[in-house]
């Protein structure tokens, strides 16, 4: 991953579970280690509820990442929303 200042950040994940169209689970395999589970619930033809969880081994690891992850995850969800407006999903 490349930051806006040109800094390179290690970012590698491995998918461990995909249940189309309702769930994606993957492990972030470089530091900091964590697992993400995203679930998708169709509410109507035009709306989907997205639930997004990050699981850490310790509360301390969670606290360290939480400082920046909440805002960055919100940015990612905003970008995802914009992209999904441009595609049709069955």
N, C-alpha and C. Protein backbone atom coordinates (compact mmCIF):
# COMPACT_ATOMS: atom_id res chain seq x y z
N UNK A 1 0.85 -1.15 0.00
CA UNK A 1 0.00 0.00 0.00
C UNK A 1 0.91 1.23 0.00
N UNK A 2 0.49 2.25 -0.69
CA UNK A 2 1.27 3.47 -0.80
C UNK A 2 0.49 4.63 -0.16
N UNK A 3 1.16 5.32 0.76
CA UNK A 3 0.54 6.48 1.40
C UNK A 3 0.61 7.70 0.50
N UNK A 4 -0.18 8.72 0.82
CA UNK A 4 -0.18 9.94 0.00
C UNK A 4 1.16 10.66 0.00
N UNK A 5 1.98 10.39 1.01
CA UNK A 5 3.30 11.02 1.07
C UNK A 5 4.37 10.19 0.37
N UNK A 6 3.94 9.06 -0.28
CA UNK A 6 4.89 8.21 -0.99
C UNK A 6 5.45 7.08 -0.15
N UNK A 7 5.11 7.02 1.14
CA UNK A 7 5.58 5.95 2.00
C UNK A 7 4.94 4.63 1.60
N UNK A 8 5.75 3.58 1.54
CA UNK A 8 5.23 2.24 1.26
C UNK A 8 4.96 1.52 2.57
N UNK A 9 3.78 0.89 2.65
CA UNK A 9 3.38 0.14 3.84
C UNK A 9 3.13 -1.30 3.44
N UNK A 10 3.63 -2.23 4.27
CA UNK A 10 3.37 -3.65 4.01
C UNK A 10 1.87 -3.89 4.16
N UNK A 11 1.28 -4.54 3.19
CA UNK A 11 -0.16 -4.79 3.24
C UNK A 11 -0.43 -6.05 2.45
N UNK A 12 -0.56 -7.17 3.16
CA UNK A 12 -0.83 -8.43 2.50
C UNK A 12 -1.91 -9.17 3.28
N UNK A 13 -2.89 -9.67 2.57
CA UNK A 13 -3.99 -10.39 3.21
C UNK A 13 -4.22 -11.70 2.47
N UNK A 14 -4.78 -12.67 3.22
CA UNK A 14 -5.11 -13.97 2.67
C UNK A 14 -6.58 -14.23 2.96
N UNK A 15 -7.35 -14.50 1.91
CA UNK A 15 -8.76 -14.80 2.08
C UNK A 15 -8.90 -16.20 2.68
N UNK A 16 -9.72 -16.32 3.73
CA UNK A 16 -9.91 -17.61 4.38
C UNK A 16 -11.33 -18.14 4.21
N UNK A 17 -12.26 -17.26 3.85
CA UNK A 17 -13.63 -17.71 3.66
C UNK A 17 -14.37 -16.72 2.77
N UNK A 18 -15.04 -17.25 1.77
CA UNK A 18 -15.89 -16.43 0.91
C UNK A 18 -17.19 -17.20 0.74
N UNK A 19 -18.27 -16.60 1.18
CA UNK A 19 -19.61 -17.17 1.00
C UNK A 19 -20.41 -16.18 0.17
N UNK A 20 -20.38 -16.39 -1.12
CA UNK A 20 -21.05 -15.47 -2.04
C UNK A 20 -22.56 -15.59 -1.89
N UNK A 21 -23.28 -14.54 -1.72
CA UNK A 21 -22.88 -13.13 -1.70
C UNK A 21 -22.88 -12.53 -0.30
N UNK A 22 -22.77 -13.37 0.75
CA UNK A 22 -23.05 -12.86 2.09
C UNK A 22 -21.85 -12.59 2.98
N UNK A 23 -20.67 -13.14 2.69
CA UNK A 23 -19.57 -12.97 3.64
C UNK A 23 -18.20 -13.09 2.99
N UNK A 24 -17.27 -12.30 3.50
CA UNK A 24 -15.85 -12.38 3.15
C UNK A 24 -15.07 -12.31 4.45
N UNK A 25 -14.12 -13.24 4.62
CA UNK A 25 -13.25 -13.24 5.80
C UNK A 25 -11.82 -13.33 5.29
N UNK A 26 -10.95 -12.44 5.81
CA UNK A 26 -9.55 -12.53 5.43
C UNK A 26 -8.65 -12.15 6.58
N UNK A 27 -7.42 -12.68 6.53
CA UNK A 27 -6.40 -12.40 7.54
C UNK A 27 -5.39 -11.43 6.98
N UNK A 28 -5.07 -10.42 7.75
CA UNK A 28 -3.98 -9.49 7.42
C UNK A 28 -2.72 -10.17 7.95
N UNK A 29 -1.83 -10.60 7.06
CA UNK A 29 -0.73 -11.49 7.44
C UNK A 29 0.60 -10.79 7.66
N UNK A 30 0.59 -9.46 7.58
CA UNK A 30 1.78 -8.69 7.96
C UNK A 30 1.38 -7.83 9.16
N UNK A 31 2.36 -7.34 9.88
CA UNK A 31 2.05 -6.54 11.07
C UNK A 31 1.30 -5.27 10.71
N UNK A 32 0.31 -4.93 11.45
CA UNK A 32 -0.29 -5.65 12.57
C UNK A 32 -1.19 -6.77 12.08
N UNK A 33 -1.14 -7.92 12.76
CA UNK A 33 -1.97 -9.06 12.38
C UNK A 33 -3.39 -8.88 12.91
N UNK A 34 -4.37 -9.19 12.06
CA UNK A 34 -5.77 -9.18 12.48
C UNK A 34 -6.58 -9.92 11.43
N UNK A 35 -7.82 -10.19 11.78
CA UNK A 35 -8.74 -10.81 10.83
C UNK A 35 -9.90 -9.86 10.61
N UNK A 36 -10.37 -9.80 9.37
CA UNK A 36 -11.53 -8.99 9.02
C UNK A 36 -12.63 -9.91 8.52
N UNK A 37 -13.83 -9.69 9.04
CA UNK A 37 -15.01 -10.40 8.56
C UNK A 37 -16.01 -9.34 8.11
N UNK A 38 -16.39 -9.42 6.87
CA UNK A 38 -17.39 -8.50 6.31
C UNK A 38 -18.58 -9.32 5.86
N UNK A 39 -19.77 -8.92 6.34
CA UNK A 39 -20.98 -9.61 5.91
C UNK A 39 -21.90 -8.61 5.22
N UNK A 40 -22.71 -9.15 4.32
CA UNK A 40 -23.57 -8.33 3.48
C UNK A 40 -24.98 -8.88 3.55
N UNK A 41 -25.92 -8.02 3.92
CA UNK A 41 -27.32 -8.41 4.05
C UNK A 41 -28.17 -7.53 3.13
N UNK A 42 -28.84 -8.15 2.19
CA UNK A 42 -29.68 -7.40 1.26
C UNK A 42 -30.92 -6.91 2.01
N UNK A 43 -31.12 -5.59 2.00
CA UNK A 43 -32.28 -5.00 2.65
C UNK A 43 -33.39 -4.70 1.66
N UNK A 44 -33.01 -4.35 0.44
CA UNK A 44 -33.96 -4.07 -0.64
C UNK A 44 -33.20 -4.19 -1.94
N UNK A 45 -33.87 -3.90 -3.04
CA UNK A 45 -33.20 -3.97 -4.34
C UNK A 45 -32.05 -2.99 -4.44
N UNK A 46 -32.12 -1.89 -3.69
CA UNK A 46 -31.10 -0.85 -3.80
C UNK A 46 -30.25 -0.68 -2.55
N UNK A 47 -30.51 -1.46 -1.50
CA UNK A 47 -29.77 -1.25 -0.25
C UNK A 47 -29.25 -2.57 0.32
N UNK A 48 -28.00 -2.49 0.80
CA UNK A 48 -27.36 -3.62 1.45
C UNK A 48 -26.74 -3.15 2.75
N UNK A 49 -26.97 -3.91 3.81
CA UNK A 49 -26.33 -3.61 5.09
C UNK A 49 -24.98 -4.32 5.11
N UNK A 50 -23.92 -3.56 5.40
CA UNK A 50 -22.57 -4.11 5.49
C UNK A 50 -22.14 -4.09 6.95
N UNK A 51 -21.75 -5.25 7.46
CA UNK A 51 -21.18 -5.36 8.81
C UNK A 51 -19.71 -5.69 8.65
N UNK A 52 -18.87 -5.00 9.40
CA UNK A 52 -17.42 -5.09 9.22
C UNK A 52 -16.79 -5.24 10.60
N UNK A 53 -16.11 -6.36 10.83
CA UNK A 53 -15.46 -6.61 12.12
C UNK A 53 -13.98 -6.86 11.93
N UNK A 54 -13.19 -6.32 12.84
CA UNK A 54 -11.76 -6.60 12.88
C UNK A 54 -11.50 -7.33 14.19
N UNK A 55 -10.81 -8.47 14.12
CA UNK A 55 -10.52 -9.27 15.29
C UNK A 55 -9.01 -9.29 15.53
N UNK A 56 -8.62 -8.94 16.76
CA UNK A 56 -7.21 -8.89 17.15
C UNK A 56 -6.93 -9.93 18.22
N UNK A 57 -5.67 -10.32 18.38
CA UNK A 57 -5.30 -11.30 19.40
C UNK A 57 -5.37 -10.72 20.80
N UNK A 58 -5.08 -9.42 20.93
CA UNK A 58 -5.09 -8.81 22.26
C UNK A 58 -5.79 -7.45 22.21
N UNK A 59 -6.31 -7.01 23.35
CA UNK A 59 -6.90 -5.66 23.42
C UNK A 59 -5.87 -4.57 23.12
N UNK A 60 -4.62 -4.81 23.49
CA UNK A 60 -3.57 -3.82 23.24
C UNK A 60 -3.34 -3.61 21.75
N UNK A 61 -3.30 -4.72 20.99
CA UNK A 61 -3.15 -4.62 19.53
C UNK A 61 -4.33 -3.85 18.93
N UNK A 62 -5.52 -4.14 19.42
CA UNK A 62 -6.70 -3.44 18.94
C UNK A 62 -6.59 -1.94 19.22
N UNK A 63 -6.17 -1.58 20.42
CA UNK A 63 -6.05 -0.17 20.79
C UNK A 63 -5.05 0.57 19.91
N UNK A 64 -3.95 -0.08 19.58
CA UNK A 64 -2.94 0.54 18.72
C UNK A 64 -3.49 0.84 17.34
N UNK A 65 -4.18 -0.13 16.75
CA UNK A 65 -4.69 0.01 15.39
C UNK A 65 -5.91 0.92 15.36
N UNK A 66 -6.69 0.89 16.42
CA UNK A 66 -7.94 1.67 16.47
C UNK A 66 -7.69 3.16 16.27
N UNK A 67 -6.52 3.64 16.66
CA UNK A 67 -6.19 5.06 16.54
C UNK A 67 -6.35 5.57 15.11
N UNK A 68 -6.03 4.74 14.15
CA UNK A 68 -6.12 5.18 12.76
C UNK A 68 -7.12 4.37 11.93
N UNK A 69 -7.45 3.16 12.37
CA UNK A 69 -8.28 2.28 11.56
C UNK A 69 -9.71 2.77 11.40
N UNK A 70 -10.29 3.33 12.45
CA UNK A 70 -11.69 3.75 12.34
C UNK A 70 -11.89 4.74 11.20
N UNK A 71 -11.09 5.77 11.16
CA UNK A 71 -11.20 6.77 10.10
C UNK A 71 -10.88 6.21 8.73
N UNK A 72 -9.84 5.40 8.65
CA UNK A 72 -9.44 4.82 7.36
C UNK A 72 -10.47 3.82 6.86
N UNK A 73 -11.05 3.04 7.77
CA UNK A 73 -12.09 2.10 7.35
C UNK A 73 -13.31 2.86 6.83
N UNK A 74 -13.64 3.97 7.46
CA UNK A 74 -14.76 4.79 6.99
C UNK A 74 -14.47 5.32 5.59
N UNK A 75 -13.25 5.77 5.34
CA UNK A 75 -12.86 6.22 4.00
C UNK A 75 -13.02 5.08 2.99
N UNK A 76 -12.58 3.87 3.36
CA UNK A 76 -12.70 2.72 2.46
C UNK A 76 -14.16 2.41 2.16
N UNK A 77 -15.02 2.47 3.17
CA UNK A 77 -16.44 2.20 2.95
C UNK A 77 -17.08 3.27 2.05
N UNK A 78 -16.67 4.51 2.23
CA UNK A 78 -17.17 5.58 1.35
C UNK A 78 -16.76 5.34 -0.10
N UNK A 79 -15.51 4.93 -0.31
CA UNK A 79 -15.05 4.64 -1.67
C UNK A 79 -15.77 3.43 -2.25
N UNK A 80 -15.98 2.41 -1.42
CA UNK A 80 -16.72 1.23 -1.87
C UNK A 80 -18.14 1.62 -2.28
N UNK A 81 -18.79 2.45 -1.49
CA UNK A 81 -20.14 2.89 -1.82
C UNK A 81 -20.17 3.59 -3.17
N UNK A 82 -19.20 4.45 -3.42
CA UNK A 82 -19.14 5.15 -4.71
C UNK A 82 -18.93 4.18 -5.86
N UNK A 83 -18.06 3.20 -5.68
CA UNK A 83 -17.81 2.21 -6.74
C UNK A 83 -19.06 1.38 -7.01
N UNK A 84 -19.76 0.99 -5.96
CA UNK A 84 -20.94 0.15 -6.13
C UNK A 84 -22.08 0.87 -6.81
N UNK A 85 -22.09 2.18 -6.74
CA UNK A 85 -23.12 2.93 -7.44
C UNK A 85 -22.97 2.80 -8.95
N UNK A 86 -21.78 2.42 -9.40
CA UNK A 86 -21.48 2.32 -10.83
C UNK A 86 -21.59 0.92 -11.41
N UNK A 87 -21.92 -0.06 -10.57
CA UNK A 87 -22.03 -1.44 -11.05
C UNK A 87 -23.36 -2.05 -10.63
N UNK A 88 -23.78 -3.06 -11.37
CA UNK A 88 -24.98 -3.79 -11.00
C UNK A 88 -24.56 -5.10 -10.37
N UNK A 89 -25.04 -5.39 -9.19
CA UNK A 89 -24.72 -6.63 -8.50
C UNK A 89 -25.98 -7.48 -8.45
N UNK A 90 -25.83 -8.76 -8.80
CA UNK A 90 -26.98 -9.66 -8.77
C UNK A 90 -27.28 -10.08 -7.36
